[in-house]
N, C-alpha and C. Protein backbone atom coordinates (compact mmCIF):
# COMPACT_ATOMS: atom_id res chain seq x y z
N MET A 1 201.08 -22.21 -10.88
CA MET A 1 199.86 -21.84 -11.06
C MET A 1 199.92 -20.63 -11.84
N THR A 2 199.21 -20.44 -13.00
CA THR A 2 199.08 -19.26 -13.65
C THR A 2 197.91 -18.49 -12.93
N SER A 3 198.18 -17.13 -13.25
CA SER A 3 197.23 -16.13 -12.74
C SER A 3 195.62 -16.45 -13.08
N SER A 4 195.61 -17.17 -14.42
CA SER A 4 194.32 -17.49 -15.09
C SER A 4 193.71 -18.62 -14.43
N SER A 5 194.46 -19.57 -13.61
CA SER A 5 194.03 -20.78 -13.00
C SER A 5 193.65 -20.49 -11.71
N ARG A 6 194.10 -19.49 -11.15
CA ARG A 6 193.47 -19.31 -9.74
C ARG A 6 192.19 -18.89 -9.46
N GLU A 7 191.74 -19.27 -8.34
CA GLU A 7 190.03 -19.02 -8.01
C GLU A 7 189.89 -17.50 -7.74
N PRO A 8 188.87 -16.59 -8.36
CA PRO A 8 188.58 -15.52 -8.04
C PRO A 8 188.36 -15.25 -6.50
N PRO A 9 188.66 -14.00 -5.99
CA PRO A 9 188.43 -13.83 -4.68
C PRO A 9 186.90 -14.05 -4.25
N SER A 10 186.71 -14.55 -2.95
CA SER A 10 185.42 -14.61 -2.71
C SER A 10 185.48 -13.91 -1.23
N TYR A 11 184.90 -12.62 -1.24
CA TYR A 11 185.00 -12.00 -0.18
C TYR A 11 183.93 -12.25 1.03
N ASP A 12 184.04 -11.79 2.25
CA ASP A 12 183.15 -11.89 3.17
C ASP A 12 182.17 -10.78 3.62
N GLU A 13 180.95 -10.98 3.46
CA GLU A 13 180.03 -9.85 3.62
C GLU A 13 180.04 -9.26 4.91
N VAL A 14 180.00 -8.02 4.81
CA VAL A 14 179.87 -7.23 6.04
C VAL A 14 178.55 -6.61 6.50
N ASP A 15 178.03 -6.74 7.66
CA ASP A 15 176.73 -6.30 8.14
C ASP A 15 177.00 -4.84 8.39
N PRO A 16 176.18 -3.89 7.84
CA PRO A 16 176.25 -2.61 8.49
C PRO A 16 176.09 -2.01 9.62
N PHE A 17 175.58 -3.00 10.46
CA PHE A 17 175.29 -2.63 11.88
C PHE A 17 176.68 -3.14 12.60
N ASP A 18 177.62 -3.76 11.95
CA ASP A 18 179.07 -3.93 12.40
C ASP A 18 179.98 -2.61 12.17
N LEU A 19 179.55 -1.96 11.30
CA LEU A 19 180.51 -0.69 11.04
C LEU A 19 180.48 0.38 12.25
N PRO A 20 181.30 1.04 12.10
CA PRO A 20 181.55 2.26 13.23
C PRO A 20 180.28 2.86 13.29
N SER A 21 179.78 3.28 14.59
CA SER A 21 178.66 3.88 14.57
C SER A 21 178.70 5.53 13.97
N TRP A 22 179.73 6.16 13.95
CA TRP A 22 180.10 7.44 13.47
C TRP A 22 179.59 7.72 12.01
N LEU A 23 179.50 6.44 11.47
CA LEU A 23 179.17 6.91 9.99
C LEU A 23 177.74 7.02 9.71
N GLY A 24 176.98 6.91 10.78
CA GLY A 24 175.68 7.15 10.73
C GLY A 24 175.19 8.23 11.72
N GLU A 25 176.18 9.01 12.24
CA GLU A 25 175.77 10.16 13.15
C GLU A 25 176.18 11.42 12.72
N GLY A 26 176.76 11.69 11.64
CA GLY A 26 177.03 12.93 11.14
C GLY A 26 177.72 13.07 9.55
N GLU A 27 178.22 14.34 9.38
CA GLU A 27 178.73 14.47 8.20
C GLU A 27 180.02 13.59 7.83
N VAL A 28 179.88 12.85 6.39
CA VAL A 28 180.91 11.91 6.35
C VAL A 28 181.28 11.91 4.70
N THR A 29 182.54 11.93 4.50
CA THR A 29 182.96 12.05 3.07
C THR A 29 183.82 10.91 2.53
N TRP A 30 183.25 10.47 1.64
CA TRP A 30 184.21 9.39 0.88
C TRP A 30 185.30 9.97 -0.24
N SER A 31 186.42 9.98 0.17
CA SER A 31 187.47 10.28 -0.96
C SER A 31 188.31 9.46 -1.49
N ALA A 32 188.31 9.62 -2.91
CA ALA A 32 189.03 8.80 -3.79
C ALA A 32 190.55 8.87 -3.61
N ASP A 33 191.15 7.71 -3.80
CA ASP A 33 192.66 7.84 -3.88
C ASP A 33 193.15 8.15 -5.20
N ARG A 34 192.58 7.82 -6.41
CA ARG A 34 192.87 8.05 -7.67
C ARG A 34 191.57 8.13 -8.45
N GLY A 35 191.82 8.60 -9.79
CA GLY A 35 190.77 8.69 -10.56
C GLY A 35 190.16 7.45 -10.76
N LEU A 36 188.66 7.62 -10.86
CA LEU A 36 187.78 6.46 -11.31
C LEU A 36 188.01 5.55 -12.37
N ALA A 37 188.54 6.32 -13.46
CA ALA A 37 188.78 5.54 -14.61
C ALA A 37 190.04 4.80 -14.78
N THR A 38 190.84 4.81 -13.79
CA THR A 38 191.95 4.21 -13.58
C THR A 38 191.84 2.60 -13.41
N GLY A 39 190.71 2.00 -13.04
CA GLY A 39 190.66 0.56 -12.91
C GLY A 39 189.38 0.11 -12.29
N HIS A 40 189.17 -1.00 -12.07
CA HIS A 40 187.83 -1.75 -11.78
C HIS A 40 187.78 -1.61 -10.13
N ARG A 41 189.01 -1.16 -9.64
CA ARG A 41 188.73 -0.99 -8.11
C ARG A 41 189.70 0.39 -7.71
N VAL A 42 188.77 1.10 -6.92
CA VAL A 42 189.53 2.38 -6.64
C VAL A 42 189.63 2.51 -5.17
N ALA A 43 190.64 2.62 -4.66
CA ALA A 43 190.78 2.78 -3.03
C ALA A 43 190.38 4.09 -2.75
N GLY A 44 189.59 4.14 -1.39
CA GLY A 44 189.23 5.41 -0.81
C GLY A 44 189.24 5.43 0.42
N THR A 45 188.66 6.53 1.29
CA THR A 45 188.68 6.48 2.78
C THR A 45 187.28 7.14 2.89
N LEU A 46 186.49 6.73 4.02
CA LEU A 46 185.55 7.40 4.46
C LEU A 46 185.96 8.25 5.71
N ALA A 47 185.51 9.23 5.80
CA ALA A 47 186.24 10.35 7.05
C ALA A 47 185.07 11.23 7.68
N ALA A 48 184.95 11.14 9.02
CA ALA A 48 183.99 12.18 9.57
C ALA A 48 184.44 13.53 9.25
N GLY A 49 183.32 14.50 9.15
CA GLY A 49 183.50 15.80 8.69
C GLY A 49 184.37 16.50 9.59
N THR A 50 184.67 16.32 10.85
CA THR A 50 185.66 17.15 11.64
C THR A 50 186.46 16.10 12.41
N LEU A 51 187.35 15.34 11.75
CA LEU A 51 188.18 14.15 12.31
C LEU A 51 188.85 14.87 13.54
N ALA A 52 189.54 16.07 13.45
CA ALA A 52 190.34 16.28 14.66
C ALA A 52 189.29 16.80 15.92
N ALA A 53 188.29 17.13 15.68
CA ALA A 53 187.31 17.27 16.88
C ALA A 53 186.68 16.45 17.24
N THR A 54 186.66 15.12 16.52
CA THR A 54 185.89 13.99 16.83
C THR A 54 186.89 12.78 17.37
N GLY A 55 188.18 12.94 16.84
CA GLY A 55 189.14 11.72 17.29
C GLY A 55 188.91 10.62 16.61
N VAL A 56 188.20 10.55 15.34
CA VAL A 56 187.67 9.35 14.87
C VAL A 56 188.85 9.12 13.75
N ASP A 57 189.10 7.95 13.59
CA ASP A 57 190.09 7.65 12.38
C ASP A 57 189.38 7.08 11.19
N PRO A 58 189.98 7.69 10.09
CA PRO A 58 189.29 7.33 8.70
C PRO A 58 189.12 5.98 8.50
N LEU A 59 188.12 5.34 7.88
CA LEU A 59 187.82 4.18 7.51
C LEU A 59 188.32 3.76 5.93
N PRO A 60 189.29 2.94 5.70
CA PRO A 60 189.58 2.49 4.24
C PRO A 60 188.39 1.92 3.59
N CYS A 61 187.94 2.65 2.60
CA CYS A 61 186.61 2.00 1.83
C CYS A 61 186.99 2.09 0.25
N ASP A 62 186.86 1.00 -0.40
CA ASP A 62 186.99 0.85 -1.78
C ASP A 62 185.86 0.84 -2.55
N LEU A 63 185.78 1.12 -3.80
CA LEU A 63 184.53 0.79 -4.60
C LEU A 63 185.31 -0.29 -5.68
N LEU A 64 184.48 -1.37 -5.96
CA LEU A 64 184.92 -2.39 -6.80
C LEU A 64 183.91 -2.67 -7.83
N ALA A 65 184.28 -2.40 -9.05
CA ALA A 65 183.24 -2.91 -10.13
C ALA A 65 183.49 -4.51 -10.41
N ILE A 66 182.37 -5.11 -9.86
CA ILE A 66 182.07 -6.49 -9.50
C ILE A 66 182.14 -7.30 -10.68
N ASP A 67 182.12 -6.86 -11.97
CA ASP A 67 181.84 -7.73 -13.17
C ASP A 67 183.13 -7.58 -14.04
N ASP A 68 184.10 -6.91 -13.74
CA ASP A 68 185.31 -6.81 -14.34
C ASP A 68 185.93 -8.39 -14.51
N ALA A 69 186.31 -8.98 -15.55
CA ALA A 69 186.69 -10.14 -15.74
C ALA A 69 187.99 -10.30 -16.44
N TYR A 70 188.81 -9.15 -16.94
CA TYR A 70 189.88 -9.55 -17.47
C TYR A 70 190.99 -8.64 -17.15
N PRO A 71 192.02 -9.43 -16.79
CA PRO A 71 192.56 -10.72 -17.21
C PRO A 71 192.10 -11.84 -16.42
N ALA A 72 191.38 -11.61 -15.20
CA ALA A 72 190.92 -12.59 -14.39
C ALA A 72 189.80 -12.08 -13.70
N PRO A 73 188.74 -12.97 -13.43
CA PRO A 73 187.54 -12.22 -12.59
C PRO A 73 187.93 -11.68 -11.27
N VAL A 74 187.38 -10.57 -10.79
CA VAL A 74 187.80 -9.80 -9.63
C VAL A 74 186.83 -10.31 -8.40
N ALA A 75 185.99 -11.43 -8.64
CA ALA A 75 185.43 -11.88 -7.48
C ALA A 75 184.76 -13.30 -8.06
N SER A 76 184.15 -13.99 -7.11
CA SER A 76 183.63 -15.25 -7.10
C SER A 76 182.32 -15.07 -7.81
N ASP A 77 181.78 -15.97 -8.56
CA ASP A 77 180.29 -15.85 -9.26
C ASP A 77 179.31 -15.44 -7.97
N ALA A 78 179.60 -16.26 -6.71
CA ALA A 78 178.51 -15.96 -5.86
C ALA A 78 178.44 -14.71 -5.28
N VAL A 79 179.79 -13.95 -5.17
CA VAL A 79 179.54 -12.57 -4.82
C VAL A 79 179.37 -11.73 -5.87
N ARG A 80 179.40 -11.80 -7.05
CA ARG A 80 179.06 -11.07 -8.21
C ARG A 80 177.48 -11.17 -8.29
N VAL A 81 176.90 -12.29 -8.19
CA VAL A 81 175.61 -12.49 -8.12
C VAL A 81 174.81 -11.66 -6.91
N ARG A 82 175.40 -11.96 -5.83
CA ARG A 82 174.85 -11.27 -4.72
C ARG A 82 174.97 -9.76 -4.79
N ALA A 83 176.11 -9.34 -5.05
CA ALA A 83 176.19 -7.75 -5.50
C ALA A 83 174.89 -7.25 -6.44
N HIS A 84 174.75 -8.04 -7.55
CA HIS A 84 173.43 -7.53 -8.38
C HIS A 84 172.22 -7.70 -7.60
N GLN A 85 172.15 -8.72 -6.96
CA GLN A 85 170.88 -8.92 -6.20
C GLN A 85 170.46 -7.71 -5.44
N VAL A 86 171.54 -7.39 -4.40
CA VAL A 86 171.43 -6.27 -3.52
C VAL A 86 171.23 -4.96 -4.19
N TRP A 87 171.73 -4.75 -5.23
CA TRP A 87 171.96 -3.53 -5.95
C TRP A 87 170.38 -3.32 -6.62
N ARG A 88 169.79 -4.58 -6.88
CA ARG A 88 168.30 -4.53 -7.72
C ARG A 88 167.35 -3.81 -6.88
N TYR A 89 167.61 -4.10 -5.20
CA TYR A 89 166.73 -3.66 -4.30
C TYR A 89 167.12 -2.52 -3.56
N GLY A 90 168.11 -1.60 -4.33
CA GLY A 90 168.36 -0.31 -3.71
C GLY A 90 169.54 -0.33 -2.69
N GLU A 91 170.14 -1.43 -2.67
CA GLU A 91 171.21 -1.51 -1.57
C GLU A 91 172.76 -1.78 -2.46
N VAL A 92 173.50 -1.62 -1.62
CA VAL A 92 174.93 -2.08 -1.95
C VAL A 92 175.74 -2.91 -1.28
N LEU A 93 176.34 -4.25 -2.04
CA LEU A 93 176.94 -5.16 -1.23
C LEU A 93 177.96 -4.69 -0.61
N LEU A 94 178.14 -4.90 1.09
CA LEU A 94 179.38 -4.44 1.62
C LEU A 94 180.18 -5.83 1.92
N VAL A 95 181.61 -5.64 1.61
CA VAL A 95 182.38 -7.12 1.88
C VAL A 95 183.66 -6.52 2.33
N ALA A 96 184.41 -7.43 3.11
CA ALA A 96 185.68 -7.00 3.48
C ALA A 96 186.83 -7.77 2.58
N ASP A 97 187.79 -7.04 2.61
CA ASP A 97 189.10 -7.43 1.89
C ASP A 97 190.26 -6.86 2.96
N ASP A 98 190.53 -7.95 3.77
CA ASP A 98 191.56 -7.70 5.08
C ASP A 98 190.81 -6.66 5.92
N ASP A 99 191.67 -5.57 6.00
CA ASP A 99 191.14 -4.50 6.79
C ASP A 99 190.35 -3.46 6.14
N ARG A 100 190.12 -3.76 4.82
CA ARG A 100 189.36 -2.48 3.96
C ARG A 100 187.96 -2.90 3.61
N LEU A 101 186.98 -1.97 4.09
CA LEU A 101 185.68 -2.21 3.53
C LEU A 101 185.55 -1.79 1.94
N VAL A 102 184.75 -2.75 1.29
CA VAL A 102 184.57 -2.91 -0.21
C VAL A 102 183.35 -2.69 -0.56
N LEU A 103 182.96 -1.62 -1.31
CA LEU A 103 181.44 -1.71 -1.88
C LEU A 103 181.44 -2.35 -3.28
N ALA A 104 180.77 -3.49 -3.33
CA ALA A 104 180.71 -4.11 -4.62
C ALA A 104 179.47 -3.51 -5.50
N VAL A 105 180.05 -2.95 -6.57
CA VAL A 105 178.80 -2.43 -7.47
C VAL A 105 178.75 -3.20 -8.86
N PRO A 106 177.55 -3.22 -9.54
CA PRO A 106 177.39 -3.72 -10.70
C PRO A 106 178.23 -3.11 -11.86
N GLY A 107 178.90 -3.89 -12.99
CA GLY A 107 179.47 -3.04 -13.69
C GLY A 107 180.86 -3.41 -13.76
N SER A 108 181.88 -3.15 -14.94
CA SER A 108 183.02 -3.36 -15.02
C SER A 108 184.12 -2.42 -15.04
N ARG A 109 183.45 -0.95 -15.11
CA ARG A 109 184.20 0.11 -14.94
C ARG A 109 183.28 1.08 -13.79
N LEU A 110 184.07 2.02 -13.25
CA LEU A 110 183.49 2.89 -12.22
C LEU A 110 183.35 4.14 -13.01
N ASP A 111 182.04 5.10 -12.56
CA ASP A 111 182.12 6.49 -12.97
C ASP A 111 181.58 7.25 -11.85
N ALA A 112 181.51 8.46 -12.15
CA ALA A 112 180.91 9.29 -11.26
C ALA A 112 179.61 9.10 -10.62
N ASP A 113 178.61 8.74 -11.54
CA ASP A 113 177.29 8.29 -11.12
C ASP A 113 177.13 7.03 -10.31
N LEU A 114 178.05 6.13 -10.68
CA LEU A 114 178.03 4.77 -9.96
C LEU A 114 178.75 5.08 -8.59
N ALA A 115 179.83 5.97 -8.33
CA ALA A 115 180.27 6.14 -7.21
C ALA A 115 179.33 6.71 -6.24
N CYS A 116 178.70 7.71 -6.69
CA CYS A 116 177.84 8.54 -5.82
C CYS A 116 176.78 7.56 -5.48
N ALA A 117 176.16 6.74 -6.33
CA ALA A 117 174.92 5.77 -5.83
C ALA A 117 175.43 4.95 -4.86
N ALA A 118 176.64 4.31 -5.02
CA ALA A 118 177.22 3.41 -4.19
C ALA A 118 177.34 3.98 -2.62
N ILE A 119 178.06 5.32 -2.65
CA ILE A 119 178.03 5.96 -1.31
C ILE A 119 176.70 6.21 -0.78
N GLY A 120 175.78 6.63 -1.61
CA GLY A 120 174.58 7.03 -1.03
C GLY A 120 173.86 5.74 -0.68
N ARG A 121 173.95 4.76 -1.07
CA ARG A 121 173.34 3.34 -0.57
C ARG A 121 174.03 3.00 0.73
N LEU A 122 175.31 3.24 0.73
CA LEU A 122 176.13 2.98 2.25
C LEU A 122 175.37 3.96 3.18
N ALA A 123 175.32 5.19 2.78
CA ALA A 123 174.74 6.19 4.03
C ALA A 123 173.47 5.71 4.30
N ARG A 124 172.65 5.15 3.42
CA ARG A 124 171.29 4.96 3.73
C ARG A 124 171.33 3.38 4.73
N ALA A 125 172.40 2.53 4.27
CA ALA A 125 172.40 1.23 5.02
C ALA A 125 172.63 1.55 6.42
N VAL A 126 173.61 2.62 6.59
CA VAL A 126 174.08 3.04 8.21
C VAL A 126 173.08 3.87 8.82
N GLY A 127 171.90 4.00 8.26
CA GLY A 127 171.14 5.09 8.75
C GLY A 127 171.34 6.64 8.85
N ALA A 128 172.35 7.05 7.99
CA ALA A 128 172.71 8.50 7.94
C ALA A 128 171.56 9.48 7.53
N ALA A 129 171.54 10.53 7.78
CA ALA A 129 170.49 11.52 7.48
C ALA A 129 170.84 11.63 5.99
N PRO A 130 169.75 11.87 5.22
CA PRO A 130 169.79 12.29 3.95
C PRO A 130 170.94 13.49 3.48
N GLY A 131 171.51 13.45 2.67
CA GLY A 131 172.46 14.75 2.59
C GLY A 131 173.84 14.69 3.55
N SER A 132 173.90 14.10 4.26
CA SER A 132 175.12 13.95 5.25
C SER A 132 176.39 13.34 4.59
N TYR A 133 176.33 12.58 3.42
CA TYR A 133 177.51 12.03 2.84
C TYR A 133 177.84 12.83 1.42
N GLY A 134 179.02 13.06 1.54
CA GLY A 134 179.80 13.67 0.16
C GLY A 134 180.55 12.85 -0.38
N VAL A 135 180.89 13.20 -1.76
CA VAL A 135 181.92 12.26 -2.44
C VAL A 135 182.93 13.38 -3.10
N HIS A 136 184.17 12.89 -2.76
CA HIS A 136 185.15 13.77 -3.39
C HIS A 136 186.02 12.84 -4.32
N LEU A 137 186.02 13.16 -5.71
CA LEU A 137 186.45 12.40 -6.64
C LEU A 137 187.87 12.93 -7.25
N ARG A 138 188.61 12.17 -7.60
CA ARG A 138 189.83 12.74 -8.41
C ARG A 138 189.78 12.73 -9.91
N VAL A 139 190.24 13.46 -10.81
CA VAL A 139 190.27 13.21 -12.02
C VAL A 139 191.36 12.33 -12.52
N GLY A 140 191.02 11.37 -13.21
CA GLY A 140 192.15 10.64 -13.74
C GLY A 140 191.68 9.87 -15.01
N TRP A 141 192.37 9.00 -15.89
CA TRP A 141 192.05 8.50 -16.96
C TRP A 141 192.70 7.17 -17.00
N ASP A 142 192.31 6.12 -18.07
CA ASP A 142 192.81 4.81 -18.25
C ASP A 142 194.11 5.05 -19.17
N LEU A 143 195.05 4.79 -18.87
CA LEU A 143 196.26 4.96 -19.75
C LEU A 143 196.32 3.65 -20.56
N ARG A 144 195.79 2.74 -20.39
CA ARG A 144 195.92 1.49 -20.99
C ARG A 144 195.52 1.70 -22.45
């Protein structure tokens, strides 16, 4: 089977109420593992403000530009449509990919504005206080 004939991933939706409670209780930072321009999916981590003091393990959390379709779609049509629906209403689609939380956002590429908007929508979904989430981006570029 060639990669073009495989079915695109169909992720399971995650309810924000099933996420760890610390995400809505204090300072949280999402940190990118690499530059946003390096691809349609950027791995990252959500961490509580003072991990050492709280004993909270970081939560793997990626950003996924849901409309990227080359060389193959990154998600099924149903997931893509759902991501656009919730985005239109000021939310972000939360899905699971094994043990990673994934924020599915409209578009085929990620940029700083989109990353900040997605993390802000996650903060609102978990009931975090305004301004309690931060975003740590890395400089990077697409070498293709």
